[in-house]
């Protein structure tokens, strides 16, 4: 499911984020974009310390897979592979939220 090294995983995660997540969560993960507002969605910041998802990779993978009733697509059914879910979850934690796992950058 996962890629060979962290750089490759983050690179693929960035591509998935740009294609699937950026419209609503914004390029830096801060949420509340004009795109989301225009659709009546209140999109949370992924980089806020108070983000409601547990800062564990499995929790982020789960949220991406099942989505959210408030408007986040169920990506596990809507066409993102398990590998892409892993990569974008890693990207969010390691590149957008590097303090969570103590690395990234």
N, C-alpha and C. Protein backbone atom coordinates (compact mmCIF):
# COMPACT_ATOMS: atom_id res chain seq x y z
N UNK A 1 0.82 -1.20 0.00
CA UNK A 1 0.00 0.00 0.00
C UNK A 1 0.87 1.26 0.00
N UNK A 2 1.90 1.28 0.83
CA UNK A 2 2.73 2.48 0.93
C UNK A 2 3.84 2.47 -0.11
N UNK A 3 4.42 3.64 -0.32
CA UNK A 3 5.49 3.81 -1.29
C UNK A 3 6.84 3.56 -0.64
N UNK A 4 7.88 3.47 -1.47
CA UNK A 4 9.21 3.13 -1.01
C UNK A 4 9.83 4.05 0.02
N UNK A 5 9.81 5.35 -0.21
CA UNK A 5 10.42 6.25 0.76
C UNK A 5 9.51 7.46 1.01
N UNK A 6 9.84 8.20 2.05
CA UNK A 6 8.99 9.31 2.47
C UNK A 6 8.87 10.41 1.41
N UNK A 7 9.95 10.68 0.69
CA UNK A 7 9.89 11.73 -0.33
C UNK A 7 8.95 11.33 -1.47
N UNK A 8 9.02 10.07 -1.89
CA UNK A 8 8.13 9.59 -2.95
C UNK A 8 6.67 9.60 -2.47
N UNK A 9 6.48 9.18 -1.24
CA UNK A 9 5.14 9.16 -0.65
C UNK A 9 4.56 10.57 -0.56
N UNK A 10 5.37 11.53 -0.12
CA UNK A 10 4.93 12.92 -0.02
C UNK A 10 4.67 13.53 -1.39
N UNK A 11 5.49 13.19 -2.37
CA UNK A 11 5.29 13.71 -3.72
C UNK A 11 3.96 13.22 -4.30
N UNK A 12 3.68 11.94 -4.16
CA UNK A 12 2.40 11.42 -4.63
C UNK A 12 1.25 12.02 -3.82
N UNK A 13 1.45 12.16 -2.51
CA UNK A 13 0.42 12.75 -1.66
C UNK A 13 0.12 14.18 -2.06
N UNK A 14 1.14 14.94 -2.41
CA UNK A 14 0.95 16.31 -2.87
C UNK A 14 0.12 16.34 -4.15
N UNK A 15 0.39 15.42 -5.06
CA UNK A 15 -0.37 15.36 -6.32
C UNK A 15 -1.84 15.03 -6.05
N UNK A 16 -2.10 14.09 -5.14
CA UNK A 16 -3.47 13.74 -4.79
C UNK A 16 -4.15 14.92 -4.10
N UNK A 17 -3.44 15.56 -3.18
CA UNK A 17 -3.99 16.72 -2.47
C UNK A 17 -4.35 17.82 -3.47
N UNK A 18 -3.46 18.11 -4.40
CA UNK A 18 -3.71 19.15 -5.39
C UNK A 18 -4.93 18.83 -6.25
N UNK A 19 -5.09 17.57 -6.60
CA UNK A 19 -6.19 17.17 -7.48
C UNK A 19 -7.52 17.00 -6.75
N UNK A 20 -7.49 16.58 -5.49
CA UNK A 20 -8.73 16.19 -4.81
C UNK A 20 -9.10 17.04 -3.59
N UNK A 21 -8.12 17.67 -2.96
CA UNK A 21 -8.36 18.31 -1.66
C UNK A 21 -8.22 19.83 -1.67
N UNK A 22 -7.38 20.33 -2.53
CA UNK A 22 -7.00 21.75 -2.50
C UNK A 22 -8.17 22.70 -2.71
N UNK A 23 -9.13 22.34 -3.56
CA UNK A 23 -10.26 23.25 -3.80
C UNK A 23 -10.96 23.64 -2.49
N UNK A 24 -11.17 22.68 -1.62
CA UNK A 24 -11.88 22.95 -0.37
C UNK A 24 -10.94 23.33 0.77
N UNK A 25 -9.82 22.62 0.90
CA UNK A 25 -8.92 22.84 2.03
C UNK A 25 -7.86 23.90 1.76
N UNK A 26 -7.73 24.34 0.51
CA UNK A 26 -6.77 25.37 0.17
C UNK A 26 -5.36 24.83 0.00
N UNK A 27 -4.47 25.61 -0.64
CA UNK A 27 -3.13 25.12 -0.93
C UNK A 27 -2.28 24.85 0.31
N UNK A 28 -2.59 25.50 1.42
CA UNK A 28 -1.83 25.31 2.65
C UNK A 28 -2.61 24.55 3.71
N UNK A 29 -3.79 24.03 3.35
CA UNK A 29 -4.59 23.24 4.27
C UNK A 29 -5.39 24.04 5.28
N UNK A 30 -5.56 25.31 5.05
CA UNK A 30 -6.23 26.17 6.03
C UNK A 30 -7.75 26.13 5.95
N UNK A 31 -8.32 25.53 4.89
CA UNK A 31 -9.76 25.40 4.77
C UNK A 31 -10.45 26.70 4.41
N UNK A 32 -11.78 26.66 4.48
CA UNK A 32 -12.62 27.84 4.24
C UNK A 32 -12.26 28.59 2.97
N UNK A 33 -12.16 27.88 1.87
CA UNK A 33 -11.85 28.51 0.58
C UNK A 33 -13.11 29.10 -0.05
N UNK A 34 -12.93 29.94 -1.02
CA UNK A 34 -14.07 30.50 -1.75
C UNK A 34 -14.84 29.38 -2.46
N UNK A 35 -14.13 28.40 -2.98
CA UNK A 35 -14.76 27.26 -3.64
C UNK A 35 -15.73 26.58 -2.67
N UNK A 36 -15.28 26.29 -1.46
CA UNK A 36 -16.12 25.63 -0.46
C UNK A 36 -17.28 26.53 -0.05
N UNK A 37 -17.00 27.80 0.20
CA UNK A 37 -18.04 28.73 0.61
C UNK A 37 -19.12 28.86 -0.46
N UNK A 38 -18.72 28.85 -1.72
CA UNK A 38 -19.67 28.93 -2.82
C UNK A 38 -20.60 27.73 -2.90
N UNK A 39 -20.22 26.65 -2.25
CA UNK A 39 -21.03 25.44 -2.23
C UNK A 39 -21.69 25.23 -0.88
N UNK A 40 -21.56 26.23 0.00
CA UNK A 40 -22.18 26.16 1.32
C UNK A 40 -21.50 25.19 2.27
N UNK A 41 -20.21 24.92 2.05
CA UNK A 41 -19.47 23.99 2.90
C UNK A 41 -18.61 24.73 3.91
N UNK A 42 -18.62 24.29 5.13
CA UNK A 42 -17.70 24.81 6.14
C UNK A 42 -16.57 23.79 6.26
N UNK A 43 -15.45 24.11 5.66
CA UNK A 43 -14.34 23.17 5.59
C UNK A 43 -13.31 23.52 6.67
N UNK A 44 -12.94 22.55 7.49
CA UNK A 44 -11.99 22.83 8.56
C UNK A 44 -10.56 23.01 8.05
N UNK A 45 -9.79 23.70 8.85
CA UNK A 45 -8.36 23.81 8.60
C UNK A 45 -7.71 22.48 8.99
N UNK A 46 -6.84 21.99 8.14
CA UNK A 46 -6.09 20.77 8.45
C UNK A 46 -4.86 21.07 9.29
N UNK A 47 -4.52 22.35 9.39
CA UNK A 47 -3.30 22.73 10.11
C UNK A 47 -3.58 23.39 11.45
N UNK A 48 -4.83 23.56 11.80
CA UNK A 48 -5.21 24.12 13.08
C UNK A 48 -4.90 23.10 14.18
N UNK A 49 -4.35 23.56 15.28
CA UNK A 49 -4.04 22.64 16.39
C UNK A 49 -5.28 21.94 16.91
N UNK A 50 -6.44 22.56 16.75
CA UNK A 50 -7.70 22.00 17.25
C UNK A 50 -8.39 21.09 16.22
N UNK A 51 -7.71 20.71 15.14
CA UNK A 51 -8.29 19.84 14.13
C UNK A 51 -8.85 18.60 14.81
N UNK A 52 -10.08 18.24 14.48
CA UNK A 52 -10.80 17.19 15.20
C UNK A 52 -10.34 15.76 14.90
N UNK A 53 -9.54 15.56 13.87
CA UNK A 53 -9.08 14.20 13.53
C UNK A 53 -7.82 13.90 14.34
N UNK A 54 -7.75 12.70 14.87
CA UNK A 54 -6.57 12.28 15.63
C UNK A 54 -5.33 12.39 14.75
N UNK A 55 -4.22 12.87 15.31
CA UNK A 55 -3.00 13.04 14.51
C UNK A 55 -2.23 11.74 14.27
N UNK A 56 -2.95 10.68 14.02
CA UNK A 56 -2.35 9.39 13.71
C UNK A 56 -2.68 9.06 12.26
N UNK A 57 -1.73 8.46 11.56
CA UNK A 57 -1.90 8.17 10.13
C UNK A 57 -3.15 7.34 9.87
N UNK A 58 -3.44 6.36 10.73
CA UNK A 58 -4.63 5.52 10.51
C UNK A 58 -5.91 6.33 10.62
N UNK A 59 -5.96 7.30 11.51
CA UNK A 59 -7.15 8.15 11.66
C UNK A 59 -7.36 9.03 10.43
N UNK A 60 -6.28 9.56 9.90
CA UNK A 60 -6.39 10.41 8.71
C UNK A 60 -6.79 9.56 7.51
N UNK A 61 -6.18 8.39 7.37
CA UNK A 61 -6.57 7.49 6.28
C UNK A 61 -8.06 7.17 6.35
N UNK A 62 -8.54 6.89 7.56
CA UNK A 62 -9.95 6.57 7.75
C UNK A 62 -10.84 7.73 7.32
N UNK A 63 -10.49 8.96 7.75
CA UNK A 63 -11.30 10.12 7.39
C UNK A 63 -11.32 10.32 5.88
N UNK A 64 -10.19 10.17 5.23
CA UNK A 64 -10.14 10.32 3.78
C UNK A 64 -11.00 9.24 3.12
N UNK A 65 -10.91 8.02 3.62
CA UNK A 65 -11.65 6.90 3.03
C UNK A 65 -13.15 7.08 3.17
N UNK A 66 -13.63 7.44 4.38
CA UNK A 66 -15.08 7.51 4.63
C UNK A 66 -15.66 8.89 4.43
N UNK A 67 -14.83 9.93 4.35
CA UNK A 67 -15.34 11.28 4.16
C UNK A 67 -16.01 11.82 5.41
N UNK A 68 -16.91 12.78 5.21
CA UNK A 68 -17.61 13.41 6.32
C UNK A 68 -18.99 13.84 5.85
N UNK A 69 -19.98 13.66 6.67
CA UNK A 69 -21.37 13.98 6.31
C UNK A 69 -21.58 15.45 5.96
N UNK A 70 -20.70 16.32 6.43
CA UNK A 70 -20.85 17.75 6.17
C UNK A 70 -20.41 18.13 4.75
N UNK A 71 -19.98 17.16 3.96
CA UNK A 71 -19.67 17.48 2.57
C UNK A 71 -18.39 16.90 2.03
N UNK A 72 -17.57 16.27 2.86
CA UNK A 72 -16.34 15.67 2.34
C UNK A 72 -16.69 14.36 1.63
N UNK A 73 -16.24 14.22 0.38
CA UNK A 73 -16.55 12.99 -0.36
C UNK A 73 -16.02 11.73 0.33
N UNK A 74 -16.66 10.63 0.05
CA UNK A 74 -16.20 9.33 0.51
C UNK A 74 -15.19 8.84 -0.52
N UNK A 75 -13.95 9.29 -0.35
CA UNK A 75 -12.93 9.05 -1.38
C UNK A 75 -12.62 7.57 -1.57
N UNK A 76 -12.81 6.75 -0.55
CA UNK A 76 -12.57 5.32 -0.71
C UNK A 76 -13.52 4.66 -1.68
N UNK A 77 -14.66 5.28 -1.91
CA UNK A 77 -15.64 4.78 -2.86
C UNK A 77 -15.60 5.60 -4.15
N UNK A 78 -15.17 6.85 -4.04
CA UNK A 78 -15.23 7.80 -5.16
C UNK A 78 -14.00 7.80 -6.05
N UNK A 79 -13.15 6.79 -5.96
CA UNK A 79 -12.11 6.67 -6.96
C UNK A 79 -10.68 6.94 -6.56
N UNK A 80 -10.38 7.07 -5.28
CA UNK A 80 -8.99 7.19 -4.86
C UNK A 80 -8.54 5.81 -4.39
N UNK A 81 -7.39 5.38 -4.86
CA UNK A 81 -6.88 4.07 -4.48
C UNK A 81 -6.38 4.09 -3.04
N UNK A 82 -6.21 2.91 -2.47
CA UNK A 82 -5.68 2.78 -1.12
C UNK A 82 -4.30 3.41 -1.03
N UNK A 83 -3.50 3.23 -2.04
CA UNK A 83 -2.16 3.83 -2.08
C UNK A 83 -2.24 5.35 -2.08
N UNK A 84 -3.17 5.93 -2.86
CA UNK A 84 -3.34 7.38 -2.88
C UNK A 84 -3.86 7.91 -1.54
N UNK A 85 -4.74 7.15 -0.90
CA UNK A 85 -5.23 7.54 0.42
C UNK A 85 -4.08 7.58 1.41
N UNK A 86 -3.22 6.57 1.37
CA UNK A 86 -2.05 6.56 2.25
C UNK A 86 -1.15 7.75 1.96
N UNK A 87 -0.88 8.01 0.69
CA UNK A 87 0.04 9.09 0.31
C UNK A 87 -0.49 10.46 0.72
N UNK A 88 -1.78 10.73 0.48
CA UNK A 88 -2.32 12.04 0.83
C UNK A 88 -2.42 12.19 2.35
N UNK A 89 -2.69 11.12 3.06
CA UNK A 89 -2.72 11.18 4.53
C UNK A 89 -1.33 11.48 5.07
N UNK A 90 -0.33 10.83 4.51
CA UNK A 90 1.06 11.10 4.90
C UNK A 90 1.42 12.55 4.60
N UNK A 91 1.04 13.03 3.42
CA UNK A 91 1.33 14.41 3.03
C UNK A 91 0.71 15.40 4.01
N UNK A 92 -0.54 15.19 4.37
CA UNK A 92 -1.21 16.10 5.32
C UNK A 92 -0.46 16.12 6.65
N UNK A 93 -0.11 14.97 7.17
CA UNK A 93 0.55 14.92 8.48
C UNK A 93 2.00 15.39 8.43
N UNK A 94 2.75 14.94 7.43
CA UNK A 94 4.19 15.21 7.40
C UNK A 94 4.56 16.53 6.74
N UNK A 95 3.76 17.00 5.80
CA UNK A 95 4.14 18.22 5.10
C UNK A 95 3.28 19.42 5.51
N UNK A 96 1.98 19.19 5.70
CA UNK A 96 1.13 20.30 6.14
C UNK A 96 1.16 20.47 7.65
N UNK A 97 1.33 19.37 8.38
CA UNK A 97 1.33 19.39 9.84
C UNK A 97 2.60 18.72 10.37
N UNK A 98 3.77 19.21 10.05
CA UNK A 98 4.99 18.50 10.42
C UNK A 98 5.19 18.34 11.92
N UNK A 99 4.60 19.22 12.73
CA UNK A 99 4.78 19.10 14.18
C UNK A 99 4.07 17.88 14.74
N UNK A 100 3.08 17.36 14.03
CA UNK A 100 2.29 16.23 14.55
C UNK A 100 3.13 14.98 14.68
N UNK A 101 3.88 14.66 13.64
CA UNK A 101 4.71 13.46 13.67
C UNK A 101 6.18 13.76 13.96
N UNK A 102 6.48 15.03 14.21
CA UNK A 102 7.83 15.42 14.57
C UNK A 102 8.82 15.37 13.44
N UNK A 103 8.37 15.53 12.22
CA UNK A 103 9.29 15.47 11.09
C UNK A 103 8.81 16.32 9.95
N UNK A 104 9.07 15.83 8.77
CA UNK A 104 8.62 16.52 7.56
C UNK A 104 9.40 17.76 7.28
N UNK A 105 8.76 18.65 6.53
CA UNK A 105 9.40 19.91 6.24
C UNK A 105 9.68 20.02 4.85
